[in-house]
mmCIF file of all heavy atoms, coordinates in Angstrom:
data_MODEL
# 
_entry.id   MODEL 
# 
loop_
_atom_site.group_PDB 
_atom_site.id 
_atom_site.type_symbol 
_atom_site.label_atom_id 
_atom_site.label_alt_id 
_atom_site.label_comp_id 
_atom_site.label_asym_id 
_atom_site.label_entity_id 
_atom_site.label_seq_id 
_atom_site.pdbx_PDB_ins_code 
_atom_site.Cartn_x 
_atom_site.Cartn_y 
_atom_site.Cartn_z 
_atom_site.occupancy 
_atom_site.B_iso_or_equiv 
_atom_site.pdbx_formal_charge 
_atom_site.auth_seq_id 
_atom_site.auth_comp_id 
_atom_site.auth_asym_id 
_atom_site.auth_atom_id 
_atom_site.pdbx_PDB_model_num 
ATOM 1   N N   . VAL A 1 1  ? -2.803 4.788   -9.322  1.00 0.00 ? 1  VAL A N   1 
ATOM 2   C CA  . VAL A 1 1  ? -3.073 4.491   -10.721 1.00 0.00 ? 1  VAL A CA  1 
ATOM 3   C C   . VAL A 1 1  ? -1.769 4.093   -11.401 1.00 0.00 ? 1  VAL A C   1 
ATOM 4   O O   . VAL A 1 1  ? -0.935 4.947   -11.669 1.00 0.00 ? 1  VAL A O   1 
ATOM 5   C CB  . VAL A 1 1  ? -3.700 5.705   -11.455 1.00 0.00 ? 1  VAL A CB  1 
ATOM 6   C CG1 . VAL A 1 1  ? -3.963 5.377   -12.899 1.00 0.00 ? 1  VAL A CG1 1 
ATOM 7   C CG2 . VAL A 1 1  ? -4.959 6.151   -10.747 1.00 0.00 ? 1  VAL A CG2 1 
ATOM 8   N N   . PRO A 1 2  ? -1.581 2.796   -11.668 1.00 0.00 ? 2  PRO A N   1 
ATOM 9   C CA  . PRO A 1 2  ? -0.379 2.413   -12.411 1.00 0.00 ? 2  PRO A CA  1 
ATOM 10  C C   . PRO A 1 2  ? -0.484 2.934   -13.838 1.00 0.00 ? 2  PRO A C   1 
ATOM 11  O O   . PRO A 1 2  ? -1.508 2.805   -14.475 1.00 0.00 ? 2  PRO A O   1 
ATOM 12  C CB  . PRO A 1 2  ? -0.399 0.887   -12.390 1.00 0.00 ? 2  PRO A CB  1 
ATOM 13  C CG  . PRO A 1 2  ? -1.676 0.483   -11.778 1.00 0.00 ? 2  PRO A CG  1 
ATOM 14  C CD  . PRO A 1 2  ? -2.407 1.689   -11.299 1.00 0.00 ? 2  PRO A CD  1 
ATOM 15  N N   . SER A 1 3  ? 0.565  3.598   -14.314 1.00 0.00 ? 3  SER A N   1 
ATOM 16  C CA  . SER A 1 3  ? 0.476  4.186   -15.642 1.00 0.00 ? 3  SER A CA  1 
ATOM 17  C C   . SER A 1 3  ? 1.640  3.818   -16.552 1.00 0.00 ? 3  SER A C   1 
ATOM 18  O O   . SER A 1 3  ? 1.620  4.149   -17.722 1.00 0.00 ? 3  SER A O   1 
ATOM 19  C CB  . SER A 1 3  ? 0.381  5.709   -15.525 1.00 0.00 ? 3  SER A CB  1 
ATOM 20  O OG  . SER A 1 3  ? 1.516  6.209   -14.862 1.00 0.00 ? 3  SER A OG  1 
ATOM 21  N N   . VAL A 1 4  ? 2.655  3.153   -16.024 1.00 0.00 ? 4  VAL A N   1 
ATOM 22  C CA  . VAL A 1 4  ? 3.835  2.853   -16.816 1.00 0.00 ? 4  VAL A CA  1 
ATOM 23  C C   . VAL A 1 4  ? 4.149  1.365   -16.707 1.00 0.00 ? 4  VAL A C   1 
ATOM 24  O O   . VAL A 1 4  ? 4.091  0.789   -15.626 1.00 0.00 ? 4  VAL A O   1 
ATOM 25  C CB  . VAL A 1 4  ? 5.041  3.685   -16.316 1.00 0.00 ? 4  VAL A CB  1 
ATOM 26  C CG1 . VAL A 1 4  ? 6.276  3.385   -17.140 1.00 0.00 ? 4  VAL A CG1 1 
ATOM 27  C CG2 . VAL A 1 4  ? 4.722  5.171   -16.349 1.00 0.00 ? 4  VAL A CG2 1 
ATOM 28  N N   . THR A 1 5  ? 4.519  0.762   -17.806 1.00 0.00 ? 5  THR A N   1 
ATOM 29  C CA  . THR A 1 5  ? 4.893  -0.651  -17.807 1.00 0.00 ? 5  THR A CA  1 
ATOM 30  C C   . THR A 1 5  ? 6.199  -0.851  -17.046 1.00 0.00 ? 5  THR A C   1 
ATOM 31  O O   . THR A 1 5  ? 7.109  -0.045  -17.163 1.00 0.00 ? 5  THR A O   1 
ATOM 32  C CB  . THR A 1 5  ? 5.052  -1.138  -19.265 1.00 0.00 ? 5  THR A CB  1 
ATOM 33  O OG1 . THR A 1 5  ? 3.821  -0.933  -19.947 1.00 0.00 ? 5  THR A OG1 1 
ATOM 34  C CG2 . THR A 1 5  ? 5.438  -2.608  -19.310 1.00 0.00 ? 5  THR A CG2 1 
ATOM 35  N N   . ASP A 1 6  ? 6.255  -1.935  -16.274 1.00 0.00 ? 6  ASP A N   1 
ATOM 36  C CA  . ASP A 1 6  ? 7.456  -2.306  -15.503 1.00 0.00 ? 6  ASP A CA  1 
ATOM 37  C C   . ASP A 1 6  ? 7.917  -1.191  -14.575 1.00 0.00 ? 6  ASP A C   1 
ATOM 38  O O   . ASP A 1 6  ? 9.102  -0.858  -14.515 1.00 0.00 ? 6  ASP A O   1 
ATOM 39  C CB  . ASP A 1 6  ? 8.602  -2.714  -16.435 1.00 0.00 ? 6  ASP A CB  1 
ATOM 40  C CG  . ASP A 1 6  ? 8.301  -4.007  -17.169 1.00 0.00 ? 6  ASP A CG  1 
ATOM 41  O OD1 . ASP A 1 6  ? 7.578  -4.856  -16.601 1.00 0.00 ? 6  ASP A OD1 1 
ATOM 42  O OD2 . ASP A 1 6  ? 8.769  -4.172  -18.300 1.00 0.00 ? 6  ASP A OD2 1 
ATOM 43  N N   . ALA A 1 7  ? 6.991  -0.607  -13.855 1.00 0.00 ? 7  ALA A N   1 
ATOM 44  C CA  . ALA A 1 7  ? 7.316  0.488   -12.940 1.00 0.00 ? 7  ALA A CA  1 
ATOM 45  C C   . ALA A 1 7  ? 6.702  0.214   -11.574 1.00 0.00 ? 7  ALA A C   1 
ATOM 46  O O   . ALA A 1 7  ? 5.767  -0.561  -11.438 1.00 0.00 ? 7  ALA A O   1 
ATOM 47  C CB  . ALA A 1 7  ? 6.794  1.820   -13.479 1.00 0.00 ? 7  ALA A CB  1 
ATOM 48  N N   . TRP A 1 8  ? 7.250  0.846   -10.547 1.00 0.00 ? 8  TRP A N   1 
ATOM 49  C CA  . TRP A 1 8  ? 6.693  0.761   -9.208  1.00 0.00 ? 8  TRP A CA  1 
ATOM 50  C C   . TRP A 1 8  ? 5.346  1.457   -9.163  1.00 0.00 ? 8  TRP A C   1 
ATOM 51  O O   . TRP A 1 8  ? 5.116  2.438   -9.873  1.00 0.00 ? 8  TRP A O   1 
ATOM 52  C CB  . TRP A 1 8  ? 7.614  1.466   -8.209  1.00 0.00 ? 8  TRP A CB  1 
ATOM 53  C CG  . TRP A 1 8  ? 8.890  0.749   -7.945  1.00 0.00 ? 8  TRP A CG  1 
ATOM 54  C CD1 . TRP A 1 8  ? 10.098 0.997   -8.525  1.00 0.00 ? 8  TRP A CD1 1 
ATOM 55  C CD2 . TRP A 1 8  ? 9.082  -0.327  -7.040  1.00 0.00 ? 8  TRP A CD2 1 
ATOM 56  N NE1 . TRP A 1 8  ? 11.034 0.131   -8.033  1.00 0.00 ? 8  TRP A NE1 1 
ATOM 57  C CE2 . TRP A 1 8  ? 10.441 -0.691  -7.110  1.00 0.00 ? 8  TRP A CE2 1 
ATOM 58  C CE3 . TRP A 1 8  ? 8.245  -1.029  -6.178  1.00 0.00 ? 8  TRP A CE3 1 
ATOM 59  C CZ2 . TRP A 1 8  ? 10.974 -1.719  -6.355  1.00 0.00 ? 8  TRP A CZ2 1 
ATOM 60  C CZ3 . TRP A 1 8  ? 8.796  -2.047  -5.431  1.00 0.00 ? 8  TRP A CZ3 1 
ATOM 61  C CH2 . TRP A 1 8  ? 10.130 -2.382  -5.513  1.00 0.00 ? 8  TRP A CH2 1 
ATOM 62  N N   . VAL A 1 9  ? 4.470  0.985   -8.301  1.00 0.00 ? 9  VAL A N   1 
ATOM 63  C CA  . VAL A 1 9  ? 3.209  1.648   -8.012  1.00 0.00 ? 9  VAL A CA  1 
ATOM 64  C C   . VAL A 1 9  ? 3.259  2.049   -6.556  1.00 0.00 ? 9  VAL A C   1 
ATOM 65  O O   . VAL A 1 9  ? 3.488  1.213   -5.692  1.00 0.00 ? 9  VAL A O   1 
ATOM 66  C CB  . VAL A 1 9  ? 1.994  0.717   -8.273  1.00 0.00 ? 9  VAL A CB  1 
ATOM 67  C CG1 . VAL A 1 9  ? 0.709  1.389   -7.854  1.00 0.00 ? 9  VAL A CG1 1 
ATOM 68  C CG2 . VAL A 1 9  ? 1.950  0.297   -9.730  1.00 0.00 ? 9  VAL A CG2 1 
ATOM 69  N N   . GLU A 1 10 ? 3.066  3.318   -6.280  1.00 0.00 ? 10 GLU A N   1 
ATOM 70  C CA  . GLU A 1 10 ? 3.094  3.804   -4.903  1.00 0.00 ? 10 GLU A CA  1 
ATOM 71  C C   . GLU A 1 10 ? 1.678  4.139   -4.469  1.00 0.00 ? 10 GLU A C   1 
ATOM 72  O O   . GLU A 1 10 ? 0.964  4.863   -5.157  1.00 0.00 ? 10 GLU A O   1 
ATOM 73  C CB  . GLU A 1 10 ? 3.960  5.056   -4.806  1.00 0.00 ? 10 GLU A CB  1 
ATOM 74  C CG  . GLU A 1 10 ? 4.101  5.572   -3.396  1.00 0.00 ? 10 GLU A CG  1 
ATOM 75  C CD  . GLU A 1 10 ? 5.083  6.720   -3.305  1.00 0.00 ? 10 GLU A CD  1 
ATOM 76  O OE1 . GLU A 1 10 ? 6.134  6.660   -3.975  1.00 0.00 ? 10 GLU A OE1 1 
ATOM 77  O OE2 . GLU A 1 10 ? 4.786  7.666   -2.568  1.00 0.00 ? 10 GLU A OE2 1 
ATOM 78  N N   . ILE A 1 11 ? 1.273  3.577   -3.336  1.00 0.00 ? 11 ILE A N   1 
ATOM 79  C CA  . ILE A 1 11 ? -0.055 3.826   -2.794  1.00 0.00 ? 11 ILE A CA  1 
ATOM 80  C C   . ILE A 1 11 ? 0.097  4.264   -1.352  1.00 0.00 ? 11 ILE A C   1 
ATOM 81  O O   . ILE A 1 11 ? 0.579  3.508   -0.520  1.00 0.00 ? 11 ILE A O   1 
ATOM 82  C CB  . ILE A 1 11 ? -0.948 2.563   -2.886  1.00 0.00 ? 11 ILE A CB  1 
ATOM 83  C CG1 . ILE A 1 11 ? -1.082 2.118   -4.346  1.00 0.00 ? 11 ILE A CG1 1 
ATOM 84  C CG2 . ILE A 1 11 ? -2.311 2.835   -2.267  1.00 0.00 ? 11 ILE A CG2 1 
ATOM 85  C CD1 . ILE A 1 11 ? -1.792 0.805   -4.526  1.00 0.00 ? 11 ILE A CD1 1 
ATOM 86  N N   . ALA A 1 12 ? -0.289 5.499   -1.082  1.00 0.00 ? 12 ALA A N   1 
ATOM 87  C CA  . ALA A 1 12 ? -0.234 6.024   0.293   1.00 0.00 ? 12 ALA A CA  1 
ATOM 88  C C   . ALA A 1 12 ? -1.469 5.539   1.038   1.00 0.00 ? 12 ALA A C   1 
ATOM 89  O O   . ALA A 1 12 ? -2.597 5.692   0.565   1.00 0.00 ? 12 ALA A O   1 
ATOM 90  C CB  . ALA A 1 12 ? -0.176 7.536   0.266   1.00 0.00 ? 12 ALA A CB  1 
ATOM 91  N N   . LEU A 1 13 ? -1.267 4.925   2.193   1.00 0.00 ? 13 LEU A N   1 
ATOM 92  C CA  . LEU A 1 13 ? -2.386 4.429   2.993   1.00 0.00 ? 13 LEU A CA  1 
ATOM 93  C C   . LEU A 1 13 ? -2.892 5.525   3.912   1.00 0.00 ? 13 LEU A C   1 
ATOM 94  O O   . LEU A 1 13 ? -2.132 6.368   4.372   1.00 0.00 ? 13 LEU A O   1 
ATOM 95  C CB  . LEU A 1 13 ? -1.943 3.224   3.828   1.00 0.00 ? 13 LEU A CB  1 
ATOM 96  C CG  . LEU A 1 13 ? -1.394 2.044   3.045   1.00 0.00 ? 13 LEU A CG  1 
ATOM 97  C CD1 . LEU A 1 13 ? -1.026 0.915   3.996   1.00 0.00 ? 13 LEU A CD1 1 
ATOM 98  C CD2 . LEU A 1 13 ? -2.382 1.563   2.012   1.00 0.00 ? 13 LEU A CD2 1 
ATOM 99  N N   . GLY A 1 14 ? -4.170 5.478   4.201   1.00 0.00 ? 14 GLY A N   1 
ATOM 100 C CA  . GLY A 1 14 ? -4.778 6.455   5.092   1.00 0.00 ? 14 GLY A CA  1 
ATOM 101 C C   . GLY A 1 14 ? -4.307 6.303   6.527   1.00 0.00 ? 14 GLY A C   1 
ATOM 102 O O   . GLY A 1 14 ? -3.776 5.270   6.925   1.00 0.00 ? 14 GLY A O   1 
ATOM 103 N N   . THR A 1 15 ? -4.498 7.328   7.311   1.00 0.00 ? 15 THR A N   1 
ATOM 104 C CA  . THR A 1 15 ? -4.127 7.331   8.717   1.00 0.00 ? 15 THR A CA  1 
ATOM 105 C C   . THR A 1 15 ? -4.831 6.186   9.438   1.00 0.00 ? 15 THR A C   1 
ATOM 106 O O   . THR A 1 15 ? -6.018 5.962   9.251   1.00 0.00 ? 15 THR A O   1 
ATOM 107 C CB  . THR A 1 15 ? -4.533 8.669   9.368   1.00 0.00 ? 15 THR A CB  1 
ATOM 108 O OG1 . THR A 1 15 ? -3.903 9.713   8.640   1.00 0.00 ? 15 THR A OG1 1 
ATOM 109 C CG2 . THR A 1 15 ? -4.123 8.719   10.823  1.00 0.00 ? 15 THR A CG2 1 
ATOM 110 N N   . GLY A 1 16 ? -4.090 5.452   10.236  1.00 0.00 ? 16 GLY A N   1 
ATOM 111 C CA  . GLY A 1 16 ? -4.661 4.352   11.008  1.00 0.00 ? 16 GLY A CA  1 
ATOM 112 C C   . GLY A 1 16 ? -4.641 3.017   10.302  1.00 0.00 ? 16 GLY A C   1 
ATOM 113 O O   . GLY A 1 16 ? -5.072 2.012   10.859  1.00 0.00 ? 16 GLY A O   1 
ATOM 114 N N   . ALA A 1 17 ? -4.136 2.965   9.057   1.00 0.00 ? 17 ALA A N   1 
ATOM 115 C CA  . ALA A 1 17 ? -4.085 1.690   8.340   1.00 0.00 ? 17 ALA A CA  1 
ATOM 116 C C   . ALA A 1 17 ? -3.165 0.704   9.049   1.00 0.00 ? 17 ALA A C   1 
ATOM 117 O O   . ALA A 1 17 ? -3.431 -0.483  9.095   1.00 0.00 ? 17 ALA A O   1 
ATOM 118 C CB  . ALA A 1 17 ? -3.628 1.904   6.904   1.00 0.00 ? 17 ALA A CB  1 
ATOM 119 N N   . ILE A 1 18 ? -2.075 1.218   9.601   1.00 0.00 ? 18 ILE A N   1 
ATOM 120 C CA  . ILE A 1 18 ? -1.152 0.408   10.407  1.00 0.00 ? 18 ILE A CA  1 
ATOM 121 C C   . ILE A 1 18 ? -1.047 1.119   11.742  1.00 0.00 ? 18 ILE A C   1 
ATOM 122 O O   . ILE A 1 18 ? -0.568 2.241   11.823  1.00 0.00 ? 18 ILE A O   1 
ATOM 123 C CB  . ILE A 1 18 ? 0.231  0.301   9.743   1.00 0.00 ? 18 ILE A CB  1 
ATOM 124 C CG1 . ILE A 1 18 ? 0.088  -0.398  8.393   1.00 0.00 ? 18 ILE A CG1 1 
ATOM 125 C CG2 . ILE A 1 18 ? 1.194  -0.438  10.636  1.00 0.00 ? 18 ILE A CG2 1 
ATOM 126 C CD1 . ILE A 1 18 ? 1.355  -0.465  7.602   1.00 0.00 ? 18 ILE A CD1 1 
ATOM 127 N N   . SER A 1 19 ? -1.513 0.468   12.787  1.00 0.00 ? 19 SER A N   1 
ATOM 128 C CA  . SER A 1 19 ? -1.592 1.146   14.078  1.00 0.00 ? 19 SER A CA  1 
ATOM 129 C C   . SER A 1 19 ? -0.560 0.675   15.099  1.00 0.00 ? 19 SER A C   1 
ATOM 130 O O   . SER A 1 19 ? -0.336 1.346   16.093  1.00 0.00 ? 19 SER A O   1 
ATOM 131 C CB  . SER A 1 19 ? -2.990 0.980   14.658  1.00 0.00 ? 19 SER A CB  1 
ATOM 132 O OG  . SER A 1 19 ? -3.288 -0.385  14.797  1.00 0.00 ? 19 SER A OG  1 
ATOM 133 N N   . ASP A 1 20 ? 0.051  -0.500  14.877  1.00 0.00 ? 20 ASP A N   1 
ATOM 134 C CA  . ASP A 1 20 ? 0.974  -1.042  15.869  1.00 0.00 ? 20 ASP A CA  1 
ATOM 135 C C   . ASP A 1 20 ? 1.783  -2.159  15.225  1.00 0.00 ? 20 ASP A C   1 
ATOM 136 O O   . ASP A 1 20 ? 1.535  -2.529  14.076  1.00 0.00 ? 20 ASP A O   1 
ATOM 137 C CB  . ASP A 1 20 ? 0.186  -1.576  17.069  1.00 0.00 ? 20 ASP A CB  1 
ATOM 138 C CG  . ASP A 1 20 ? 1.018  -1.626  18.345  1.00 0.00 ? 20 ASP A CG  1 
ATOM 139 O OD1 . ASP A 1 20 ? 2.244  -1.401  18.289  1.00 0.00 ? 20 ASP A OD1 1 
ATOM 140 O OD2 . ASP A 1 20 ? 0.443  -1.886  19.408  1.00 0.00 ? 20 ASP A OD2 1 
ATOM 141 N N   . ASN A 1 21 ? 2.735  -2.714  15.949  1.00 0.00 ? 21 ASN A N   1 
ATOM 142 C CA  . ASN A 1 21 ? 3.456  -3.883  15.462  1.00 0.00 ? 21 ASN A CA  1 
ATOM 143 C C   . ASN A 1 21 ? 2.467  -5.014  15.242  1.00 0.00 ? 21 ASN A C   1 
ATOM 144 O O   . ASN A 1 21 ? 1.482  -5.137  15.947  1.00 0.00 ? 21 ASN A O   1 
ATOM 145 C CB  . ASN A 1 21 ? 4.510  -4.330  16.482  1.00 0.00 ? 21 ASN A CB  1 
ATOM 146 C CG  . ASN A 1 21 ? 5.649  -3.347  16.598  1.00 0.00 ? 21 ASN A CG  1 
ATOM 147 O OD1 . ASN A 1 21 ? 5.952  -2.638  15.647  1.00 0.00 ? 21 ASN A OD1 1 
ATOM 148 N ND2 . ASN A 1 21 ? 6.271  -3.315  17.753  1.00 0.00 ? 21 ASN A ND2 1 
ATOM 149 N N   . GLY A 1 22 ? 2.723  -5.857  14.259  1.00 0.00 ? 22 GLY A N   1 
ATOM 150 C CA  . GLY A 1 22 ? 1.838  -6.985  14.027  1.00 0.00 ? 22 GLY A CA  1 
ATOM 151 C C   . GLY A 1 22 ? 1.897  -7.446  12.578  1.00 0.00 ? 22 GLY A C   1 
ATOM 152 O O   . GLY A 1 22 ? 2.717  -6.996  11.804  1.00 0.00 ? 22 GLY A O   1 
ATOM 153 N N   . THR A 1 23 ? 1.002  -8.334  12.237  1.00 0.00 ? 23 THR A N   1 
ATOM 154 C CA  . THR A 1 23 ? 0.892  -8.866  10.885  1.00 0.00 ? 23 THR A CA  1 
ATOM 155 C C   . THR A 1 23 ? -0.329 -8.253  10.220  1.00 0.00 ? 23 THR A C   1 
ATOM 156 O O   . THR A 1 23 ? -1.409 -8.232  10.805  1.00 0.00 ? 23 THR A O   1 
ATOM 157 C CB  . THR A 1 23 ? 0.752  -10.400 10.919  1.00 0.00 ? 23 THR A CB  1 
ATOM 158 O OG1 . THR A 1 23 ? 1.887  -10.956 11.594  1.00 0.00 ? 23 THR A OG1 1 
ATOM 159 C CG2 . THR A 1 23 ? 0.651  -10.978 9.530   1.00 0.00 ? 23 THR A CG2 1 
ATOM 160 N N   . TYR A 1 24 ? -0.145 -7.761  9.015   1.00 0.00 ? 24 TYR A N   1 
ATOM 161 C CA  . TYR A 1 24 ? -1.231 -7.124  8.276   1.00 0.00 ? 24 TYR A CA  1 
ATOM 162 C C   . TYR A 1 24 ? -1.354 -7.752  6.897   1.00 0.00 ? 24 TYR A C   1 
ATOM 163 O O   . TYR A 1 24 ? -0.368 -8.209  6.327   1.00 0.00 ? 24 TYR A O   1 
ATOM 164 C CB  . TYR A 1 24 ? -0.954 -5.622  8.110   1.00 0.00 ? 24 TYR A CB  1 
ATOM 165 C CG  . TYR A 1 24 ? -0.985 -4.863  9.413   1.00 0.00 ? 24 TYR A CG  1 
ATOM 166 C CD1 . TYR A 1 24 ? 0.142  -4.765  10.219  1.00 0.00 ? 24 TYR A CD1 1 
ATOM 167 C CD2 . TYR A 1 24 ? -2.153 -4.262  9.844   1.00 0.00 ? 24 TYR A CD2 1 
ATOM 168 C CE1 . TYR A 1 24 ? 0.115  -4.085  11.425  1.00 0.00 ? 24 TYR A CE1 1 
ATOM 169 C CE2 . TYR A 1 24 ? -2.193 -3.576  11.040  1.00 0.00 ? 24 TYR A CE2 1 
ATOM 170 C CZ  . TYR A 1 24 ? -1.053 -3.490  11.823  1.00 0.00 ? 24 TYR A CZ  1 
ATOM 171 O OH  . TYR A 1 24 ? -1.097 -2.814  13.010  1.00 0.00 ? 24 TYR A OH  1 
ATOM 172 N N   . SER A 1 25 ? -2.557 -7.785  6.361   1.00 0.00 ? 25 SER A N   1 
ATOM 173 C CA  . SER A 1 25 ? -2.795 -8.262  5.005   1.00 0.00 ? 25 SER A CA  1 
ATOM 174 C C   . SER A 1 25 ? -3.401 -7.132  4.192   1.00 0.00 ? 25 SER A C   1 
ATOM 175 O O   . SER A 1 25 ? -4.319 -6.454  4.662   1.00 0.00 ? 25 SER A O   1 
ATOM 176 C CB  . SER A 1 25 ? -3.764 -9.449  5.000   1.00 0.00 ? 25 SER A CB  1 
ATOM 177 O OG  . SER A 1 25 ? -3.200 -10.548 5.669   1.00 0.00 ? 25 SER A OG  1 
ATOM 178 N N   . PHE A 1 26 ? -2.864 -6.920  3.002   1.00 0.00 ? 26 PHE A N   1 
ATOM 179 C CA  . PHE A 1 26 ? -3.379 -5.897  2.106   1.00 0.00 ? 26 PHE A CA  1 
ATOM 180 C C   . PHE A 1 26 ? -3.660 -6.545  0.755   1.00 0.00 ? 26 PHE A C   1 
ATOM 181 O O   . PHE A 1 26 ? -2.968 -7.455  0.341   1.00 0.00 ? 26 PHE A O   1 
ATOM 182 C CB  . PHE A 1 26 ? -2.346 -4.775  1.908   1.00 0.00 ? 26 PHE A CB  1 
ATOM 183 C CG  . PHE A 1 26 ? -2.022 -4.027  3.161   1.00 0.00 ? 26 PHE A CG  1 
ATOM 184 C CD1 . PHE A 1 26 ? -0.899 -4.341  3.899   1.00 0.00 ? 26 PHE A CD1 1 
ATOM 185 C CD2 . PHE A 1 26 ? -2.854 -3.005  3.604   1.00 0.00 ? 26 PHE A CD2 1 
ATOM 186 C CE1 . PHE A 1 26 ? -0.597 -3.656  5.057   1.00 0.00 ? 26 PHE A CE1 1 
ATOM 187 C CE2 . PHE A 1 26 ? -2.565 -2.325  4.764   1.00 0.00 ? 26 PHE A CE2 1 
ATOM 188 C CZ  . PHE A 1 26 ? -1.437 -2.645  5.487   1.00 0.00 ? 26 PHE A CZ  1 
ATOM 189 N N   . GLY A 1 27 ? -4.658 -6.042  0.076   1.00 0.00 ? 27 GLY A N   1 
ATOM 190 C CA  . GLY A 1 27 ? -4.978 -6.548  -1.252  1.00 0.00 ? 27 GLY A CA  1 
ATOM 191 C C   . GLY A 1 27 ? -5.137 -5.408  -2.225  1.00 0.00 ? 27 GLY A C   1 
ATOM 192 O O   . GLY A 1 27 ? -5.362 -4.270  -1.831  1.00 0.00 ? 27 GLY A O   1 
ATOM 193 N N   . LEU A 1 28 ? -5.007 -5.716  -3.489  1.00 0.00 ? 28 LEU A N   1 
ATOM 194 C CA  . LEU A 1 28 ? -5.229 -4.742  -4.546  1.00 0.00 ? 28 LEU A CA  1 
ATOM 195 C C   . LEU A 1 28 ? -6.496 -5.118  -5.281  1.00 0.00 ? 28 LEU A C   1 
ATOM 196 O O   . LEU A 1 28 ? -6.677 -6.273  -5.676  1.00 0.00 ? 28 LEU A O   1 
ATOM 197 C CB  . LEU A 1 28 ? -4.046 -4.731  -5.529  1.00 0.00 ? 28 LEU A CB  1 
ATOM 198 C CG  . LEU A 1 28 ? -2.689 -4.380  -4.945  1.00 0.00 ? 28 LEU A CG  1 
ATOM 199 C CD1 . LEU A 1 28 ? -1.617 -4.568  -6.007  1.00 0.00 ? 28 LEU A CD1 1 
ATOM 200 C CD2 . LEU A 1 28 ? -2.682 -2.955  -4.430  1.00 0.00 ? 28 LEU A CD2 1 
# 
């Protein structure tokens, strides 16, 4: 939940979201 103007947003991904070397695409 972004709550502050001009601030970083941190989103922890669930287990298994990145499983190995490679190219991944994520969207918001």
